[in-house]
Amino acid sequence: MTSILWATGFTHDYGWLKVDALDASGKPRHQRGVSSEPGVYFLGLPYQSRRGSSFIWGVWHDAKFVADHIAKQRLYLAYRAPAAAE
């Protein structure tokens, strides 16, 4: 598994992101941090789910939501349907 964590600091810069996860104005397309592009997630965006989303003391709500989403996706991918009875 490979992960990239990109901290942009004081300004938003998604120019390096070469997937279809941005809208026409260059802002992330997401629902509570879950992108329309599989495997791409966003955290720390202003008002992502609440006022504190872009602050270190408030981002944990969104981080938990995204982590739970990733865990569910991994379970779905790992699931094997039971063999049919013969």
C-alpha atoms as a PDB file:
ATOM      1  CA  MET A   1       0.000   0.000   0.000  1.00  0.00           C
ATOM      2  CA  THR A   2       1.226   3.484  -0.784  1.00  0.00           C
ATOM      3  CA  SER A   3       0.116   6.711   0.887  1.00  0.00           C
ATOM      4  CA  ILE A   4       0.846  10.325   0.142  1.00  0.00           C
ATOM      5  CA  LEU A   5       0.231  13.000   2.744  1.00  0.00           C
ATOM      6  CA  TRP A   6       0.566  16.479   1.303  1.00  0.00           C
ATOM      7  CA  ALA A   7       0.529  19.410   3.728  1.00  0.00           C
ATOM      8  CA  THR A   8       0.314  22.629   1.754  1.00  0.00           C
ATOM      9  CA  GLY A   9       0.621  25.070   4.642  1.00  0.00           C
ATOM     10  CA  PHE A  10      -0.882  28.487   4.109  1.00  0.00           C
ATOM     11  CA  THR A  11      -2.453  28.077   0.697  1.00  0.00           C
ATOM     12  CA  HIS A  12      -4.247  25.380  -1.259  1.00  0.00           C
ATOM     13  CA  ASP A  13      -2.266  23.872  -4.125  1.00  0.00           C
ATOM     14  CA  TYR A  14      -3.666  20.860  -5.935  1.00  0.00           C
ATOM     15  CA  GLY A  15      -1.649  21.322  -9.130  1.00  0.00           C
ATOM     16  CA  TRP A  16       0.318  18.145  -8.428  1.00  0.00           C
ATOM     17  CA  LEU A  17      -2.847  16.029  -8.149  1.00  0.00           C
ATOM     18  CA  LYS A  18      -3.275  14.364 -11.539  1.00  0.00           C
ATOM     19  CA  VAL A  19      -6.641  12.657 -10.993  1.00  0.00           C
ATOM     20  CA  ASP A  20     -10.202  13.736 -11.668  1.00  0.00           C
ATOM     21  CA  ALA A  21     -10.930  14.881  -8.091  1.00  0.00           C
ATOM     22  CA  LEU A  22     -11.190  18.645  -8.641  1.00  0.00           C
ATOM     23  CA  ASP A  23     -14.028  20.774  -9.954  1.00  0.00           C
ATOM     24  CA  ALA A  24     -13.759  23.346 -12.753  1.00  0.00           C
ATOM     25  CA  SER A  25     -12.464  25.987 -10.326  1.00  0.00           C
ATOM     26  CA  GLY A  26      -9.738  23.663  -9.010  1.00  0.00           C
ATOM     27  CA  LYS A  27     -11.378  22.894  -5.657  1.00  0.00           C
ATOM     28  CA  PRO A  28     -11.689  19.318  -4.360  1.00  0.00           C
ATOM     29  CA  ARG A  29     -14.886  17.435  -5.200  1.00  0.00           C
ATOM     30  CA  HIS A  30     -15.683  15.469  -2.062  1.00  0.00           C
ATOM     31  CA  GLN A  31     -18.319  14.493   0.461  1.00  0.00           C
ATOM     32  CA  ARG A  32     -16.898  14.976   3.977  1.00  0.00           C
ATOM     33  CA  GLY A  33     -13.400  14.377   2.619  1.00  0.00           C
ATOM     34  CA  VAL A  34     -14.209  11.314   0.526  1.00  0.00           C
ATOM     35  CA  SER A  35     -13.334  12.182  -3.053  1.00  0.00           C
ATOM     36  CA  SER A  36     -15.176  11.182  -6.181  1.00  0.00           C
ATOM     37  CA  GLU A  37     -11.875   9.524  -7.187  1.00  0.00           C
ATOM     38  CA  PRO A  38     -11.277   6.136  -5.498  1.00  0.00           C
ATOM     39  CA  GLY A  39      -8.436   6.250  -2.972  1.00  0.00           C
ATOM     40  CA  VAL A  40      -8.241  10.063  -2.840  1.00  0.00           C
ATOM     41  CA  TYR A  41      -9.258  11.763   0.405  1.00  0.00           C
ATOM     42  CA  PHE A  42      -9.088  15.313   1.727  1.00  0.00           C
ATOM     43  CA  LEU A  43      -8.683  16.632   5.285  1.00  0.00           C
ATOM     44  CA  GLY A  44      -8.282  20.059   6.816  1.00  0.00           C
ATOM     45  CA  LEU A  45     -10.481  21.927   4.360  1.00  0.00           C
ATOM     46  CA  PRO A  46     -12.453  24.911   5.665  1.00  0.00           C
ATOM     47  CA  TYR A  47     -15.946  23.847   6.740  1.00  0.00           C
ATOM     48  CA  GLN A  48     -15.378  20.303   5.529  1.00  0.00           C
ATOM     49  CA  SER A  49     -18.039  19.145   7.979  1.00  0.00           C
ATOM     50  CA  ARG A  50     -17.923  21.857  10.661  1.00  0.00           C
ATOM     51  CA  ARG A  51     -16.325  25.171  11.515  1.00  0.00           C
ATOM     52  CA  GLY A  52     -13.259  23.605  13.128  1.00  0.00           C
ATOM     53  CA  SER A  53     -12.453  21.305  10.195  1.00  0.00           C
ATOM     54  CA  SER A  54      -9.432  23.309   9.107  1.00  0.00           C
ATOM     55  CA  PHE A  55      -7.933  23.587  12.592  1.00  0.00           C
ATOM     56  CA  ILE A  56      -5.633  21.059  14.263  1.00  0.00           C
ATOM     57  CA  TRP A  57      -8.030  20.784  17.230  1.00  0.00           C
ATOM     58  CA  GLY A  58     -11.074  20.251  15.003  1.00  0.00           C
ATOM     59  CA  VAL A  59      -9.863  18.114  12.124  1.00  0.00           C
ATOM     60  CA  TRP A  60     -10.154  14.908  14.160  1.00  0.00           C
ATOM     61  CA  HIS A  61     -13.901  14.656  13.448  1.00  0.00           C
ATOM     62  CA  ASP A  62     -13.221  14.541   9.724  1.00  0.00           C
ATOM     63  CA  ALA A  63     -10.159  12.327  10.135  1.00  0.00           C
ATOM     64  CA  LYS A  64     -12.250   9.758  12.025  1.00  0.00           C
ATOM     65  CA  PHE A  65     -14.946   9.851   9.345  1.00  0.00           C
ATOM     66  CA  VAL A  66     -12.380   9.343   6.554  1.00  0.00           C
ATOM     67  CA  ALA A  67     -10.550   6.590   8.489  1.00  0.00           C
ATOM     68  CA  ASP A  68     -13.858   4.772   9.116  1.00  0.00           C
ATOM     69  CA  HIS A  69     -14.710   5.076   5.421  1.00  0.00           C
ATOM     70  CA  ILE A  70     -11.332   3.615   4.423  1.00  0.00           C
ATOM     71  CA  ALA A  71     -11.762   0.736   6.900  1.00  0.00           C
ATOM     72  CA  LYS A  72     -15.207  -0.083   5.447  1.00  0.00           C
ATOM     73  CA  GLN A  73     -13.843   0.029   1.899  1.00  0.00           C
ATOM     74  CA  ARG A  74     -11.052  -2.369   2.866  1.00  0.00           C
ATOM     75  CA  LEU A  75     -13.596  -4.779   4.371  1.00  0.00           C
ATOM     76  CA  TYR A  76     -15.691  -4.615   1.194  1.00  0.00           C
ATOM     77  CA  LEU A  77     -12.645  -5.361  -0.952  1.00  0.00           C
ATOM     78  CA  ALA A  78     -11.553  -8.226   1.320  1.00  0.00           C
ATOM     79  CA  TYR A  79     -15.001  -9.820   1.454  1.00  0.00           C
ATOM     80  CA  ARG A  80     -15.377 -13.158  -0.277  1.00  0.00           C
ATOM     81  CA  ALA A  81     -18.887 -14.452  -0.815  1.00  0.00           C
ATOM     82  CA  PRO A  82     -19.499 -17.836   0.782  1.00  0.00           C
ATOM     83  CA  ALA A  83     -19.236 -20.738  -1.651  1.00  0.00           C
ATOM     84  CA  ALA A  84     -22.628 -21.849  -2.968  1.00  0.00           C
ATOM     85  CA  ALA A  85     -23.963 -25.066  -1.513  1.00  0.00           C
ATOM     86  CA  GLU A  86     -23.643 -27.937  -3.947  1.00  0.00           C
END
